Amino acid sequence: MLTAIHPKLPMRNKAATVNYYVDQLGFRLCGSGDYHDYLMLKKDAIELHFFLYENLDPNENYGQVYIRTDAIETFYHDLLSRRIKIHPNGPLHKKPWGQLEFSLLDPDNNLLTFGEAVK
């Protein structure tokens, strides 16, 4: 039986990734050790993993993850109040497929899309 998914995304610099996800988005470090080339982060029930890819060209990175939430407007406005940059094409918007969504780009151009079903 499948029980969870933990997407693995590329990172060029572990410190920059920690700064963005922990200091800005509110994730926390998880896992049993500190590895030079691997990082595990968690926020609520979401866990993201990162692998070191120092030669990554961010303009050619197509890493993407879709994260469901049950408080999208609160989360979105909290990010705005803390001046977290929203993707230029990804402000909070109701989509035709019945989701309220917004997107962010992390320091390596991994696209994070957050969505909540419209009721």
C-alpha atoms as a PDB file:
ATOM      1  CA  MET A   1       0.000   0.000   0.000  1.00  0.00           C
ATOM      2  CA  LEU A   2       1.213   3.496  -0.799  1.00  0.00           C
ATOM      3  CA  THR A   3       1.281   5.779   2.232  1.00  0.00           C
ATOM      4  CA  ALA A   4       3.161   8.986   1.391  1.00  0.00           C
ATOM      5  CA  ILE A   5       5.252  10.767  -1.193  1.00  0.00           C
ATOM      6  CA  HIS A   6       8.379  12.838  -0.618  1.00  0.00           C
ATOM      7  CA  PRO A   7       9.420  14.651  -3.799  1.00  0.00           C
ATOM      8  CA  LYS A   8      13.160  15.018  -4.422  1.00  0.00           C
ATOM      9  CA  LEU A   9      14.231  18.334  -5.943  1.00  0.00           C
ATOM     10  CA  PRO A  10      17.659  19.595  -7.023  1.00  0.00           C
ATOM     11  CA  MET A  11      19.553  22.232  -5.040  1.00  0.00           C
ATOM     12  CA  ARG A  12      22.774  24.032  -5.890  1.00  0.00           C
ATOM     13  CA  ASN A  13      23.561  25.285  -2.407  1.00  0.00           C
ATOM     14  CA  LYS A  14      22.330  23.617   0.763  1.00  0.00           C
ATOM     15  CA  ALA A  15      22.594  26.765   2.920  1.00  0.00           C
ATOM     16  CA  ALA A  16      20.530  28.802   0.439  1.00  0.00           C
ATOM     17  CA  THR A  17      17.895  26.049   0.301  1.00  0.00           C
ATOM     18  CA  VAL A  18      17.702  25.889   4.107  1.00  0.00           C
ATOM     19  CA  ASN A  19      17.437  29.673   4.279  1.00  0.00           C
ATOM     20  CA  TYR A  20      14.546  29.767   1.832  1.00  0.00           C
ATOM     21  CA  TYR A  21      12.525  26.831   3.121  1.00  0.00           C
ATOM     22  CA  VAL A  22      13.241  27.073   6.861  1.00  0.00           C
ATOM     23  CA  ASP A  23      13.724  30.799   7.438  1.00  0.00           C
ATOM     24  CA  GLN A  24      11.212  32.065   4.886  1.00  0.00           C
ATOM     25  CA  LEU A  25       8.586  29.342   4.354  1.00  0.00           C
ATOM     26  CA  GLY A  26       8.562  27.840   7.851  1.00  0.00           C
ATOM     27  CA  PHE A  27       9.765  24.314   7.111  1.00  0.00           C
ATOM     28  CA  ARG A  28      11.968  22.499   9.622  1.00  0.00           C
ATOM     29  CA  LEU A  29      14.883  20.128   9.230  1.00  0.00           C
ATOM     30  CA  CYS A  30      14.016  16.465   9.598  1.00  0.00           C
ATOM     31  CA  GLY A  31      15.839  13.184   9.302  1.00  0.00           C
ATOM     32  CA  SER A  32      18.462  11.544  11.437  1.00  0.00           C
ATOM     33  CA  GLY A  33      21.606  13.254  10.190  1.00  0.00           C
ATOM     34  CA  ASP A  34      23.235  16.166   8.437  1.00  0.00           C
ATOM     35  CA  TYR A  35      24.431  15.137   4.985  1.00  0.00           C
ATOM     36  CA  HIS A  36      26.548  17.318   2.717  1.00  0.00           C
ATOM     37  CA  ASP A  37      24.661  16.414  -0.438  1.00  0.00           C
ATOM     38  CA  TYR A  38      21.132  15.690   0.823  1.00  0.00           C
ATOM     39  CA  LEU A  39      18.495  17.617   2.739  1.00  0.00           C
ATOM     40  CA  MET A  40      15.128  16.634   4.220  1.00  0.00           C
ATOM     41  CA  LEU A  41      12.601  19.282   5.247  1.00  0.00           C
ATOM     42  CA  LYS A  42       9.109  19.097   6.699  1.00  0.00           C
ATOM     43  CA  LYS A  43       6.159  21.434   7.248  1.00  0.00           C
ATOM     44  CA  ASP A  44       2.939  20.045   8.686  1.00  0.00           C
ATOM     45  CA  ALA A  45       2.363  16.741   6.800  1.00  0.00           C
ATOM     46  CA  ILE A  46       4.532  17.725   3.799  1.00  0.00           C
ATOM     47  CA  GLU A  47       8.085  16.441   3.434  1.00  0.00           C
ATOM     48  CA  LEU A  48      10.435  17.609   0.682  1.00  0.00           C
ATOM     49  CA  HIS A  49      13.858  16.122  -0.045  1.00  0.00           C
ATOM     50  CA  PHE A  50      16.687  17.835  -1.922  1.00  0.00           C
ATOM     51  CA  PHE A  51      19.790  16.443  -3.580  1.00  0.00           C
ATOM     52  CA  LEU A  52      22.928  18.457  -4.304  1.00  0.00           C
ATOM     53  CA  TYR A  53      23.345  19.363  -7.963  1.00  0.00           C
ATOM     54  CA  GLU A  54      26.004  22.078  -7.977  1.00  0.00           C
ATOM     55  CA  ASN A  55      26.085  22.384 -11.778  1.00  0.00           C
ATOM     56  CA  LEU A  56      22.343  22.889 -12.106  1.00  0.00           C
ATOM     57  CA  ASP A  57      21.413  25.682 -14.486  1.00  0.00           C
ATOM     58  CA  PRO A  58      18.320  27.219 -12.835  1.00  0.00           C
ATOM     59  CA  ASN A  59      17.087  28.381 -16.241  1.00  0.00           C
ATOM     60  CA  GLU A  60      16.939  24.741 -17.325  1.00  0.00           C
ATOM     61  CA  ASN A  61      15.435  23.326 -14.117  1.00  0.00           C
ATOM     62  CA  TYR A  62      11.926  21.959 -14.490  1.00  0.00           C
ATOM     63  CA  GLY A  63      11.563  20.649 -10.914  1.00  0.00           C
ATOM     64  CA  GLN A  64       7.959  21.043  -9.795  1.00  0.00           C
ATOM     65  CA  VAL A  65       5.808  19.965  -6.888  1.00  0.00           C
ATOM     66  CA  TYR A  66       2.109  20.522  -6.214  1.00  0.00           C
ATOM     67  CA  ILE A  67       1.194  20.904  -2.537  1.00  0.00           C
ATOM     68  CA  ARG A  68      -2.398  20.763  -1.340  1.00  0.00           C
ATOM     69  CA  THR A  69      -3.467  22.931   1.578  1.00  0.00           C
ATOM     70  CA  ASP A  70      -6.603  23.606   3.562  1.00  0.00           C
ATOM     71  CA  ALA A  71      -5.770  27.234   4.403  1.00  0.00           C
ATOM     72  CA  ILE A  72      -4.425  28.681   1.160  1.00  0.00           C
ATOM     73  CA  GLU A  73      -5.593  32.266   1.641  1.00  0.00           C
ATOM     74  CA  THR A  74      -4.090  32.489   5.135  1.00  0.00           C
ATOM     75  CA  PHE A  75      -0.790  31.006   3.928  1.00  0.00           C
ATOM     76  CA  TYR A  76      -0.700  33.243   0.837  1.00  0.00           C
ATOM     77  CA  HIS A  77      -1.347  36.443   2.780  1.00  0.00           C
ATOM     78  CA  ASP A  78       1.206  35.454   5.420  1.00  0.00           C
ATOM     79  CA  LEU A  79       3.840  35.072   2.691  1.00  0.00           C
ATOM     80  CA  LEU A  80       2.885  38.429   1.190  1.00  0.00           C
ATOM     81  CA  SER A  81       3.085  40.161   4.581  1.00  0.00           C
ATOM     82  CA  ARG A  82       6.614  38.800   4.981  1.00  0.00           C
ATOM     83  CA  ARG A  83       7.516  39.925   1.450  1.00  0.00           C
ATOM     84  CA  ILE A  84       8.098  36.401   0.099  1.00  0.00           C
ATOM     85  CA  LYS A  85       8.263  36.705  -3.678  1.00  0.00           C
ATOM     86  CA  ILE A  86       5.316  35.090  -5.474  1.00  0.00           C
ATOM     87  CA  HIS A  87       5.916  33.665  -8.968  1.00  0.00           C
ATOM     88  CA  PRO A  88       5.217  36.473 -11.483  1.00  0.00           C
ATOM     89  CA  ASN A  89       2.665  34.258 -13.279  1.00  0.00           C
ATOM     90  CA  GLY A  90       1.396  32.614 -10.113  1.00  0.00           C
ATOM     91  CA  PRO A  91      -0.594  34.933  -7.815  1.00  0.00           C
ATOM     92  CA  LEU A  92      -3.545  33.486  -5.937  1.00  0.00           C
ATOM     93  CA  HIS A  93      -6.165  32.666  -8.543  1.00  0.00           C
ATOM     94  CA  LYS A  94      -9.152  30.380  -9.025  1.00  0.00           C
ATOM     95  CA  LYS A  95      -8.360  27.869 -11.768  1.00  0.00           C
ATOM     96  CA  PRO A  96     -10.885  26.294 -14.170  1.00  0.00           C
ATOM     97  CA  TRP A  97     -10.176  22.857 -12.670  1.00  0.00           C
ATOM     98  CA  GLY A  98     -11.684  23.898  -9.321  1.00  0.00           C
ATOM     99  CA  GLN A  99      -8.566  24.830  -7.374  1.00  0.00           C
ATOM    100  CA  LEU A 100      -7.498  28.094  -5.774  1.00  0.00           C
ATOM    101  CA  GLU A 101      -3.747  28.207  -6.458  1.00  0.00           C
ATOM    102  CA  PHE A 102      -0.556  30.242  -6.248  1.00  0.00           C
ATOM    103  CA  SER A 103       3.074  29.479  -7.042  1.00  0.00           C
ATOM    104  CA  LEU A 104       6.583  30.240  -5.809  1.00  0.00           C
ATOM    105  CA  LEU A 105      10.023  29.664  -7.292  1.00  0.00           C
ATOM    106  CA  ASP A 106      12.749  28.584  -4.887  1.00  0.00           C
ATOM    107  CA  PRO A 107      16.403  29.701  -5.305  1.00  0.00           C
ATOM    108  CA  ASP A 108      16.984  26.912  -7.851  1.00  0.00           C
ATOM    109  CA  ASN A 109      13.814  27.590  -9.882  1.00  0.00           C
ATOM    110  CA  ASN A 110      11.928  24.612  -8.485  1.00  0.00           C
ATOM    111  CA  LEU A 111       8.263  25.512  -8.936  1.00  0.00           C
ATOM    112  CA  LEU A 112       6.116  25.117  -5.823  1.00  0.00           C
ATOM    113  CA  THR A 113       2.397  25.320  -6.549  1.00  0.00           C
ATOM    114  CA  PHE A 114      -0.016  25.392  -3.628  1.00  0.00           C
ATOM    115  CA  GLY A 115      -3.666  24.494  -4.173  1.00  0.00           C
ATOM    116  CA  GLU A 116      -6.921  24.166  -2.329  1.00  0.00           C
ATOM    117  CA  ALA A 117     -10.202  22.847  -3.668  1.00  0.00           C
ATOM    118  CA  VAL A 118     -12.792  25.572  -4.198  1.00  0.00           C
ATOM    119  CA  LYS A 119     -15.920  24.845  -2.247  1.00  0.00           C
END
